[in-house]
Amino acid sequence: MEMNVVQRQTQGLAMTAKMQASLRILQMSQSDLTAHLAEATLENPCLEVRMPEVAPSVPSGLGGRTQNADFDPVAALAEGKPSLYQHVGRQVAQAFPHPAAQRVALAFAEVLEPAGWLGSPVDQVARAAGVPLVVAETVLARLQQFEPAGLFARSLTECLRLQAADKGLLTGSLG
C-alpha cells in the first residue's frame, strides 16, 4: 500500500451575505431605497434618517428655454474649460505668426507635462524640431512669458523665478 501526500492551492471568490445586501442596495431606485431606509429605521431604533437639504433650483436653460432630458450640467461645466494643451495652443497661435517659429513652439508644447513643466531637455526639443539650440532657447524664452506664470519651466527654481518676475517681485540682480 502506497501513500502520497499532495498539497493543492485553490483560489475562489465567495460572495458574502453582506456583499449581496450591499449590491441589492446599490441597485435600488430612489423610491425603493427610501422605503428600505424607512423599514430599517423601524426595525432598528438606533438608526436615524435625515432628509437632505433641498438645493436651490437652477434655471432650466439659457434665456428661460427648457433643456432636453439628456443635458448633463456637470459635463457642461467640464466642456467649458479648455485643457492646458488647448490653452497653450491658442497662445502659440497668437504669439508665433511665423510657421517655423510656431512649429518649434508646438514641439515644446508636445513635451509639456500636465503640471506645465517641460518634460524634455531643450536640446532634445531643438533636435526634434530641426532647429539650432539658440532658436529653441529664443522660442522657449517667449513661451515662458505665457499665462499662467511658470509655464514651460525646466525646474522648480525656474518656475518660481518666472512667477516672481510675473508679480514684479524680482530685484534687478536676479531678474
N, C-alpha and C. Protein backbone atom coordinates (compact mmCIF):
# COMPACT_ATOMS: atom_id res chain seq x y z
N MET A 1 0.83 -1.17 0.00
CA MET A 1 0.00 0.00 0.00
C MET A 1 0.88 1.24 0.00
N GLU A 2 0.63 2.11 -0.98
CA GLU A 2 1.45 3.28 -1.15
C GLU A 2 0.65 4.53 -0.76
N MET A 3 1.28 5.44 0.01
CA MET A 3 0.60 6.67 0.44
C MET A 3 1.33 7.87 -0.15
N ASN A 4 0.55 8.79 -0.68
CA ASN A 4 1.10 10.01 -1.26
C ASN A 4 0.51 11.22 -0.53
N VAL A 5 1.35 12.20 -0.35
CA VAL A 5 0.90 13.46 0.24
C VAL A 5 0.87 14.49 -0.89
N VAL A 6 -0.30 15.10 -1.08
CA VAL A 6 -0.47 16.07 -2.15
C VAL A 6 -0.98 17.36 -1.53
N GLN A 7 -0.38 18.46 -1.95
CA GLN A 7 -0.82 19.76 -1.46
C GLN A 7 -1.34 20.56 -2.64
N ARG A 8 -2.52 21.15 -2.49
CA ARG A 8 -3.13 21.94 -3.56
C ARG A 8 -3.53 23.30 -3.02
N GLN A 9 -3.46 24.26 -3.90
CA GLN A 9 -3.88 25.60 -3.55
C GLN A 9 -4.91 26.04 -4.58
N THR A 10 -6.05 26.46 -4.09
CA THR A 10 -7.08 26.95 -5.00
C THR A 10 -7.48 28.35 -4.57
N GLN A 11 -7.98 29.06 -5.52
CA GLN A 11 -8.42 30.42 -5.25
C GLN A 11 -9.88 30.52 -5.67
N GLY A 12 -10.67 31.11 -4.83
CA GLY A 12 -12.08 31.26 -5.14
C GLY A 12 -12.61 32.56 -4.59
N LEU A 13 -13.72 32.98 -5.10
CA LEU A 13 -14.35 34.21 -4.66
C LEU A 13 -15.72 33.85 -4.11
N ALA A 14 -15.93 34.19 -2.86
CA ALA A 14 -17.21 33.89 -2.23
C ALA A 14 -17.94 35.20 -1.97
N MET A 15 -19.18 35.23 -2.34
CA MET A 15 -20.00 36.42 -2.14
C MET A 15 -20.69 36.29 -0.79
N THR A 16 -20.26 37.08 0.16
CA THR A 16 -20.86 37.01 1.49
C THR A 16 -22.25 37.62 1.47
N ALA A 17 -23.00 37.33 2.52
CA ALA A 17 -24.35 37.89 2.63
C ALA A 17 -24.31 39.41 2.70
N LYS A 18 -23.29 39.93 3.36
CA LYS A 18 -23.15 41.38 3.48
C LYS A 18 -22.89 42.01 2.10
N MET A 19 -22.06 41.36 1.29
CA MET A 19 -21.79 41.87 -0.05
C MET A 19 -23.04 41.81 -0.92
N GLN A 20 -23.82 40.73 -0.79
CA GLN A 20 -25.05 40.61 -1.57
C GLN A 20 -26.05 41.69 -1.17
N ALA A 21 -26.15 41.97 0.13
CA ALA A 21 -27.06 43.02 0.59
C ALA A 21 -26.61 44.38 0.08
N SER A 22 -25.31 44.62 0.08
CA SER A 22 -24.79 45.89 -0.43
C SER A 22 -25.10 46.06 -1.91
N LEU A 23 -24.95 45.00 -2.68
CA LEU A 23 -25.26 45.08 -4.10
C LEU A 23 -26.74 45.34 -4.35
N ARG A 24 -27.59 44.70 -3.56
CA ARG A 24 -29.03 44.94 -3.70
C ARG A 24 -29.35 46.41 -3.42
N ILE A 25 -28.72 46.97 -2.38
CA ILE A 25 -28.97 48.38 -2.04
C ILE A 25 -28.48 49.30 -3.15
N LEU A 26 -27.33 49.01 -3.71
CA LEU A 26 -26.79 49.84 -4.79
C LEU A 26 -27.65 49.81 -6.04
N GLN A 27 -28.38 48.73 -6.25
CA GLN A 27 -29.20 48.60 -7.44
C GLN A 27 -30.60 49.18 -7.27
N MET A 28 -30.94 49.63 -6.06
CA MET A 28 -32.29 50.14 -5.79
C MET A 28 -32.50 51.51 -6.42
N SER A 29 -33.75 51.74 -6.82
CA SER A 29 -34.12 53.07 -7.30
C SER A 29 -34.28 53.97 -6.07
N GLN A 30 -34.47 55.26 -6.31
CA GLN A 30 -34.58 56.20 -5.20
C GLN A 30 -35.79 55.88 -4.32
N SER A 31 -36.91 55.56 -4.91
CA SER A 31 -38.11 55.26 -4.12
C SER A 31 -37.92 53.95 -3.33
N ASP A 32 -37.31 52.94 -3.96
CA ASP A 32 -37.06 51.68 -3.26
C ASP A 32 -36.08 51.89 -2.10
N LEU A 33 -35.08 52.71 -2.32
CA LEU A 33 -34.10 52.99 -1.27
C LEU A 33 -34.75 53.73 -0.11
N THR A 34 -35.62 54.67 -0.42
CA THR A 34 -36.34 55.40 0.64
C THR A 34 -37.19 54.45 1.46
N ALA A 35 -37.88 53.54 0.80
CA ALA A 35 -38.70 52.56 1.51
C ALA A 35 -37.84 51.63 2.35
N HIS A 36 -36.70 51.19 1.80
CA HIS A 36 -35.79 50.31 2.53
C HIS A 36 -35.26 51.00 3.79
N LEU A 37 -34.88 52.27 3.65
CA LEU A 37 -34.37 53.01 4.82
C LEU A 37 -35.44 53.23 5.87
N ALA A 38 -36.67 53.51 5.42
CA ALA A 38 -37.77 53.68 6.37
C ALA A 38 -38.03 52.38 7.14
N GLU A 39 -37.99 51.28 6.44
CA GLU A 39 -38.18 49.97 7.08
C GLU A 39 -37.05 49.67 8.06
N ALA A 40 -35.82 50.00 7.66
CA ALA A 40 -34.67 49.74 8.53
C ALA A 40 -34.73 50.59 9.80
N THR A 41 -35.23 51.82 9.70
CA THR A 41 -35.32 52.66 10.90
C THR A 41 -36.41 52.16 11.85
N LEU A 42 -37.43 51.52 11.29
CA LEU A 42 -38.48 50.95 12.16
C LEU A 42 -37.94 49.73 12.92
N GLU A 43 -37.09 48.95 12.26
CA GLU A 43 -36.54 47.74 12.88
C GLU A 43 -35.42 48.06 13.87
N ASN A 44 -34.69 49.13 13.63
CA ASN A 44 -33.54 49.46 14.47
C ASN A 44 -33.71 50.86 15.05
N PRO A 45 -33.99 50.99 16.34
CA PRO A 45 -34.23 52.31 16.93
C PRO A 45 -32.96 53.18 16.98
N CYS A 46 -31.80 52.62 16.77
CA CYS A 46 -30.55 53.39 16.80
C CYS A 46 -30.31 54.14 15.50
N LEU A 47 -31.02 53.79 14.45
CA LEU A 47 -30.84 54.46 13.17
C LEU A 47 -31.68 55.73 13.12
N GLU A 48 -31.11 56.74 12.49
CA GLU A 48 -31.83 58.00 12.30
C GLU A 48 -31.64 58.40 10.85
N VAL A 49 -32.74 58.66 10.16
CA VAL A 49 -32.67 59.07 8.76
C VAL A 49 -33.08 60.52 8.68
N ARG A 50 -32.19 61.34 8.11
CA ARG A 50 -32.48 62.75 7.89
C ARG A 50 -32.54 63.00 6.40
N MET A 51 -33.50 63.75 5.97
CA MET A 51 -33.63 64.09 4.56
C MET A 51 -32.60 65.16 4.23
N PRO A 52 -31.98 65.12 3.07
CA PRO A 52 -31.01 66.15 2.69
C PRO A 52 -31.69 67.49 2.49
N GLU A 53 -30.91 68.54 2.71
CA GLU A 53 -31.46 69.88 2.48
C GLU A 53 -31.70 70.05 0.99
N VAL A 54 -32.74 70.75 0.66
CA VAL A 54 -33.09 70.97 -0.74
C VAL A 54 -32.19 72.05 -1.30
N ALA A 55 -31.56 71.76 -2.41
CA ALA A 55 -30.70 72.73 -3.08
C ALA A 55 -31.57 73.73 -3.82
N PRO A 56 -31.08 74.98 -3.97
CA PRO A 56 -31.87 75.96 -4.71
C PRO A 56 -32.04 75.52 -6.15
N SER A 57 -33.18 75.84 -6.70
CA SER A 57 -33.45 75.40 -8.08
C SER A 57 -32.59 76.19 -9.05
N VAL A 58 -32.23 75.52 -10.12
CA VAL A 58 -31.40 76.11 -11.16
C VAL A 58 -32.30 76.38 -12.35
N PRO A 59 -32.12 77.54 -13.01
CA PRO A 59 -32.95 77.80 -14.19
C PRO A 59 -32.82 76.66 -15.19
N SER A 60 -33.90 76.39 -15.90
CA SER A 60 -33.92 75.22 -16.79
C SER A 60 -33.11 75.41 -18.05
N GLY A 61 -32.78 76.60 -18.41
CA GLY A 61 -31.99 76.80 -19.62
C GLY A 61 -31.64 78.25 -19.79
N LEU A 62 -30.83 78.54 -20.75
CA LEU A 62 -30.45 79.92 -21.02
C LEU A 62 -31.63 80.67 -21.60
N GLY A 63 -31.88 81.85 -21.08
CA GLY A 63 -32.98 82.66 -21.60
C GLY A 63 -34.34 82.04 -21.33
N GLY A 64 -34.45 81.19 -20.33
CA GLY A 64 -35.74 80.60 -19.98
C GLY A 64 -36.12 79.40 -20.83
N ARG A 65 -35.29 79.02 -21.79
CA ARG A 65 -35.61 77.85 -22.62
C ARG A 65 -35.43 76.59 -21.79
N THR A 66 -36.19 75.58 -22.09
CA THR A 66 -36.05 74.33 -21.37
C THR A 66 -34.95 73.49 -22.00
N GLN A 67 -34.30 72.70 -21.17
CA GLN A 67 -33.23 71.84 -21.64
C GLN A 67 -33.81 70.47 -21.97
N ASN A 68 -33.11 69.75 -22.83
CA ASN A 68 -33.59 68.41 -23.12
C ASN A 68 -33.21 67.47 -21.99
N ALA A 69 -33.79 66.30 -21.97
CA ALA A 69 -33.60 65.35 -20.87
C ALA A 69 -32.18 64.81 -20.82
N ASP A 70 -31.43 64.88 -21.92
CA ASP A 70 -30.08 64.35 -21.96
C ASP A 70 -29.03 65.33 -21.45
N PHE A 71 -29.44 66.54 -21.07
CA PHE A 71 -28.48 67.56 -20.63
C PHE A 71 -27.83 67.15 -19.32
N ASP A 72 -26.50 67.19 -19.28
CA ASP A 72 -25.75 66.86 -18.08
C ASP A 72 -25.01 68.12 -17.63
N PRO A 73 -25.44 68.77 -16.54
CA PRO A 73 -24.82 70.03 -16.14
C PRO A 73 -23.35 69.88 -15.74
N VAL A 74 -22.97 68.72 -15.18
CA VAL A 74 -21.57 68.51 -14.80
C VAL A 74 -20.69 68.43 -16.04
N ALA A 75 -21.15 67.71 -17.05
CA ALA A 75 -20.39 67.61 -18.29
C ALA A 75 -20.30 68.96 -18.97
N ALA A 76 -21.34 69.77 -18.88
CA ALA A 76 -21.34 71.10 -19.49
C ALA A 76 -20.29 71.99 -18.83
N LEU A 77 -20.13 71.87 -17.52
CA LEU A 77 -19.10 72.64 -16.82
C LEU A 77 -17.72 72.22 -17.29
N ALA A 78 -17.49 70.93 -17.41
CA ALA A 78 -16.18 70.43 -17.81
C ALA A 78 -15.85 70.82 -19.25
N GLU A 79 -16.86 70.90 -20.11
CA GLU A 79 -16.63 71.24 -21.51
C GLU A 79 -16.23 72.69 -21.68
N GLY A 80 -16.67 73.56 -20.78
CA GLY A 80 -16.42 74.99 -20.92
C GLY A 80 -14.99 75.38 -20.67
N LYS A 81 -14.22 74.59 -19.96
CA LYS A 81 -12.86 74.95 -19.61
C LYS A 81 -11.89 74.21 -20.52
N PRO A 82 -11.02 74.96 -21.24
CA PRO A 82 -10.08 74.28 -22.14
C PRO A 82 -8.99 73.56 -21.35
N SER A 83 -8.43 72.54 -21.94
CA SER A 83 -7.33 71.82 -21.31
C SER A 83 -6.07 72.69 -21.38
N LEU A 84 -5.06 72.29 -20.65
CA LEU A 84 -3.78 73.02 -20.68
C LEU A 84 -3.24 73.08 -22.09
N TYR A 85 -3.33 71.98 -22.81
CA TYR A 85 -2.77 71.92 -24.16
C TYR A 85 -3.56 72.80 -25.14
N GLN A 86 -4.88 72.87 -24.98
CA GLN A 86 -5.69 73.77 -25.81
C GLN A 86 -5.34 75.21 -25.50
N HIS A 87 -5.18 75.52 -24.21
CA HIS A 87 -4.83 76.87 -23.77
C HIS A 87 -3.48 77.28 -24.36
N VAL A 88 -2.50 76.39 -24.28
CA VAL A 88 -1.17 76.68 -24.83
C VAL A 88 -1.24 76.81 -26.35
N GLY A 89 -2.00 75.94 -27.00
CA GLY A 89 -2.13 76.00 -28.46
C GLY A 89 -2.68 77.33 -28.94
N ARG A 90 -3.66 77.87 -28.21
CA ARG A 90 -4.22 79.18 -28.58
C ARG A 90 -3.17 80.28 -28.41
N GLN A 91 -2.42 80.21 -27.32
CA GLN A 91 -1.39 81.22 -27.08
C GLN A 91 -0.27 81.12 -28.12
N VAL A 92 0.08 79.91 -28.51
CA VAL A 92 1.11 79.72 -29.53
C VAL A 92 0.65 80.33 -30.85
N ALA A 93 -0.60 80.10 -31.22
CA ALA A 93 -1.13 80.64 -32.47
C ALA A 93 -1.10 82.17 -32.49
N GLN A 94 -1.33 82.77 -31.34
CA GLN A 94 -1.32 84.24 -31.26
C GLN A 94 0.10 84.80 -31.19
N ALA A 95 0.98 84.14 -30.46
CA ALA A 95 2.32 84.68 -30.21
C ALA A 95 3.31 84.40 -31.34
N PHE A 96 3.07 83.37 -32.13
CA PHE A 96 4.01 82.98 -33.17
C PHE A 96 3.31 82.93 -34.52
N PRO A 97 3.23 84.07 -35.22
CA PRO A 97 2.55 84.07 -36.52
C PRO A 97 3.37 83.37 -37.61
N HIS A 98 4.69 83.33 -37.46
CA HIS A 98 5.54 82.69 -38.47
C HIS A 98 5.48 81.17 -38.30
N PRO A 99 5.22 80.42 -39.37
CA PRO A 99 5.06 78.96 -39.26
C PRO A 99 6.27 78.22 -38.68
N ALA A 100 7.49 78.66 -38.99
CA ALA A 100 8.67 77.97 -38.49
C ALA A 100 8.78 78.11 -36.98
N ALA A 101 8.56 79.32 -36.46
CA ALA A 101 8.60 79.53 -35.01
C ALA A 101 7.44 78.81 -34.33
N GLN A 102 6.31 78.79 -34.99
CA GLN A 102 5.14 78.09 -34.43
C GLN A 102 5.41 76.59 -34.34
N ARG A 103 6.10 76.04 -35.31
CA ARG A 103 6.45 74.62 -35.29
C ARG A 103 7.35 74.30 -34.10
N VAL A 104 8.30 75.16 -33.81
CA VAL A 104 9.19 74.95 -32.67
C VAL A 104 8.40 75.09 -31.36
N ALA A 105 7.54 76.08 -31.30
CA ALA A 105 6.72 76.28 -30.09
C ALA A 105 5.83 75.07 -29.84
N LEU A 106 5.27 74.52 -30.90
CA LEU A 106 4.41 73.34 -30.74
C LEU A 106 5.23 72.10 -30.34
N ALA A 107 6.50 72.06 -30.76
CA ALA A 107 7.37 70.97 -30.32
C ALA A 107 7.58 71.05 -28.81
N PHE A 108 7.71 72.27 -28.29
CA PHE A 108 7.81 72.43 -26.83
C PHE A 108 6.49 72.04 -26.16
N ALA A 109 5.37 72.40 -26.78
CA ALA A 109 4.05 72.07 -26.20
C ALA A 109 3.85 70.56 -26.14
N GLU A 110 4.41 69.83 -27.08
CA GLU A 110 4.26 68.37 -27.09
C GLU A 110 4.95 67.70 -25.91
N VAL A 111 6.00 68.30 -25.38
CA VAL A 111 6.73 67.71 -24.25
C VAL A 111 6.33 68.34 -22.92
N LEU A 112 5.29 69.13 -22.95
CA LEU A 112 4.80 69.78 -21.73
C LEU A 112 4.14 68.75 -20.82
N GLU A 113 4.55 68.72 -19.57
CA GLU A 113 3.96 67.83 -18.57
C GLU A 113 2.60 68.39 -18.15
N PRO A 114 1.72 67.57 -17.59
CA PRO A 114 0.42 68.07 -17.13
C PRO A 114 0.52 69.20 -16.11
N ALA A 115 1.63 69.26 -15.37
CA ALA A 115 1.81 70.33 -14.38
C ALA A 115 2.28 71.62 -15.04
N GLY A 116 2.63 71.59 -16.33
CA GLY A 116 3.06 72.79 -17.03
C GLY A 116 4.56 72.92 -17.19
N TRP A 117 5.31 71.96 -16.71
CA TRP A 117 6.77 71.98 -16.83
C TRP A 117 7.20 71.23 -18.08
N LEU A 118 8.41 71.54 -18.54
CA LEU A 118 8.95 70.82 -19.69
C LEU A 118 9.33 69.41 -19.29
N GLY A 119 9.00 68.46 -20.12
CA GLY A 119 9.30 67.06 -19.84
C GLY A 119 10.55 66.56 -20.54
N SER A 120 11.16 67.40 -21.38
CA SER A 120 12.37 67.02 -22.11
C SER A 120 13.35 68.19 -22.10
N PRO A 121 14.65 67.90 -22.22
CA PRO A 121 15.64 68.97 -22.29
C PRO A 121 15.47 69.81 -23.57
N VAL A 122 15.92 71.06 -23.51
CA VAL A 122 15.76 71.99 -24.63
C VAL A 122 16.51 71.48 -25.87
N ASP A 123 17.70 70.92 -25.69
CA ASP A 123 18.45 70.44 -26.85
C ASP A 123 17.74 69.29 -27.56
N GLN A 124 17.03 68.47 -26.80
CA GLN A 124 16.28 67.37 -27.40
C GLN A 124 15.09 67.92 -28.21
N VAL A 125 14.43 68.93 -27.68
CA VAL A 125 13.31 69.55 -28.41
C VAL A 125 13.83 70.24 -29.66
N ALA A 126 14.99 70.88 -29.57
CA ALA A 126 15.59 71.54 -30.74
C ALA A 126 15.89 70.52 -31.83
N ARG A 127 16.46 69.38 -31.45
CA ARG A 127 16.74 68.33 -32.44
C ARG A 127 15.45 67.82 -33.07
N ALA A 128 14.41 67.60 -32.24
CA ALA A 128 13.13 67.09 -32.76
C ALA A 128 12.49 68.10 -33.72
N ALA A 129 12.67 69.39 -33.44
CA ALA A 129 12.09 70.42 -34.30
C ALA A 129 12.99 70.75 -35.49
N GLY A 130 14.24 70.27 -35.46
CA GLY A 130 15.17 70.51 -36.57
C GLY A 130 15.69 71.93 -36.61
N VAL A 131 15.91 72.53 -35.43
CA VAL A 131 16.42 73.90 -35.37
C VAL A 131 17.63 73.95 -34.45
N PRO A 132 18.47 74.99 -34.62
CA PRO A 132 19.61 75.14 -33.71
C PRO A 132 19.14 75.41 -32.27
N LEU A 133 20.00 75.11 -31.34
CA LEU A 133 19.70 75.29 -29.92
C LEU A 133 19.36 76.74 -29.60
N VAL A 134 20.04 77.68 -30.24
CA VAL A 134 19.81 79.11 -29.99
C VAL A 134 18.37 79.49 -30.36
N VAL A 135 17.88 78.98 -31.47
CA VAL A 135 16.50 79.26 -31.89
C VAL A 135 15.51 78.66 -30.89
N ALA A 136 15.76 77.44 -30.45
CA ALA A 136 14.88 76.79 -29.48
C ALA A 136 14.84 77.57 -28.18
N GLU A 137 16.01 78.04 -27.72
CA GLU A 137 16.05 78.81 -26.48
C GLU A 137 15.32 80.14 -26.61
N THR A 138 15.39 80.77 -27.77
CA THR A 138 14.67 82.02 -28.01
C THR A 138 13.16 81.78 -27.97
N VAL A 139 12.71 80.71 -28.61
CA VAL A 139 11.28 80.37 -28.59
C VAL A 139 10.84 80.03 -27.17
N LEU A 140 11.67 79.29 -26.43
CA LEU A 140 11.34 78.93 -25.05
C LEU A 140 11.21 80.17 -24.18
N ALA A 141 12.09 81.15 -24.38
CA ALA A 141 12.01 82.39 -23.59
C ALA A 141 10.66 83.07 -23.82
N ARG A 142 10.18 83.05 -25.05
CA ARG A 142 8.87 83.65 -25.35
C ARG A 142 7.74 82.80 -24.75
N LEU A 143 7.87 81.48 -24.82
CA LEU A 143 6.86 80.58 -24.25
C LEU A 143 6.75 80.77 -22.73
N GLN A 144 7.87 81.06 -22.08
CA GLN A 144 7.86 81.22 -20.63
C GLN A 144 7.18 82.51 -20.19
N GLN A 145 6.78 83.34 -21.14
CA GLN A 145 6.01 84.55 -20.83
C GLN A 145 4.51 84.29 -20.88
N PHE A 146 4.11 83.08 -21.29
CA PHE A 146 2.70 82.73 -21.39
C PHE A 146 2.06 82.66 -20.01
N GLU A 147 0.75 82.76 -20.02
CA GLU A 147 -0.03 82.58 -18.80
C GLU A 147 -0.43 81.13 -18.68
N PRO A 148 -0.46 80.57 -17.53
CA PRO A 148 -0.10 81.12 -16.23
C PRO A 148 1.41 81.20 -16.05
N ALA A 149 1.83 82.09 -15.18
CA ALA A 149 3.26 82.28 -14.93
C ALA A 149 3.86 80.97 -14.42
N GLY A 150 5.04 80.65 -14.93
CA GLY A 150 5.72 79.41 -14.55
C GLY A 150 5.58 78.32 -15.59
N LEU A 151 4.76 78.56 -16.58
CA LEU A 151 4.55 77.59 -17.66
C LEU A 151 5.86 77.43 -18.43
N PHE A 152 6.18 76.22 -18.85
CA PHE A 152 7.39 75.87 -19.61
C PHE A 152 8.66 75.99 -18.77
N ALA A 153 8.53 75.91 -17.45
CA ALA A 153 9.71 75.93 -16.59
C ALA A 153 10.41 74.57 -16.68
N ARG A 154 11.74 74.61 -16.46
CA ARG A 154 12.52 73.37 -16.52
C ARG A 154 12.80 72.82 -15.13
N SER A 155 12.55 73.63 -14.09
CA SER A 155 12.81 73.20 -12.71
C SER A 155 11.94 74.03 -11.78
N LEU A 156 11.90 73.63 -10.52
CA LEU A 156 11.15 74.39 -9.52
C LEU A 156 11.73 75.79 -9.37
N THR A 157 13.05 75.90 -9.38
CA THR A 157 13.71 77.20 -9.26
C THR A 157 13.28 78.13 -10.38
N GLU A 158 13.31 77.61 -11.61
CA GLU A 158 12.92 78.42 -12.76
C GLU A 158 11.44 78.78 -12.71
N CYS A 159 10.61 77.85 -12.27
CA CYS A 159 9.17 78.11 -12.16
C CYS A 159 8.92 79.25 -11.17
N LEU A 160 9.56 79.17 -10.01
CA LEU A 160 9.38 80.21 -9.00
C LEU A 160 9.92 81.56 -9.48
N ARG A 161 11.06 81.52 -10.20
CA ARG A 161 11.62 82.76 -10.75
C ARG A 161 10.66 83.39 -11.75
N LEU A 162 10.06 82.58 -12.61
CA LEU A 162 9.10 83.09 -13.59
C LEU A 162 7.86 83.68 -12.91
N GLN A 163 7.40 83.01 -11.86
CA GLN A 163 6.23 83.51 -11.15
C GLN A 163 6.54 84.80 -10.40
N ALA A 164 7.74 84.87 -9.79
CA ALA A 164 8.13 86.09 -9.08
C ALA A 164 8.31 87.25 -10.07
N ALA A 165 8.89 86.98 -11.22
CA ALA A 165 9.06 88.02 -12.24
C ALA A 165 7.70 88.52 -12.72
N ASP A 166 6.75 87.62 -12.88
CA ASP A 166 5.41 88.00 -13.31
C ASP A 166 4.74 88.93 -12.31
N LYS A 167 5.01 88.72 -11.03
CA LYS A 167 4.42 89.57 -9.97
C LYS A 167 5.26 90.81 -9.70
N GLY A 168 6.41 90.95 -10.38
CA GLY A 168 7.28 92.10 -10.16
C GLY A 168 8.03 92.04 -8.85
N LEU A 169 8.33 90.84 -8.37
CA LEU A 169 8.97 90.66 -7.07
C LEU A 169 10.47 90.45 -7.16
N LEU A 170 11.05 90.42 -8.37
CA LEU A 170 12.48 90.19 -8.51
C LEU A 170 13.24 91.51 -8.46
N THR A 171 14.42 91.48 -7.84
CA THR A 171 15.30 92.65 -7.87
C THR A 171 16.07 92.63 -9.17
N GLY A 172 16.73 93.70 -9.48
CA GLY A 172 17.47 93.83 -10.74
C GLY A 172 18.56 92.80 -10.90
N SER A 173 19.20 92.36 -9.79
CA SER A 173 20.31 91.41 -9.91
C SER A 173 19.83 89.99 -10.19
N LEU A 174 18.59 89.66 -9.79
CA LEU A 174 18.08 88.29 -10.01
C LEU A 174 17.32 88.17 -11.31
N GLY A 175 16.68 89.17 -11.76
CA GLY A 175 15.80 89.03 -12.92
C GLY A 175 16.46 89.51 -14.12
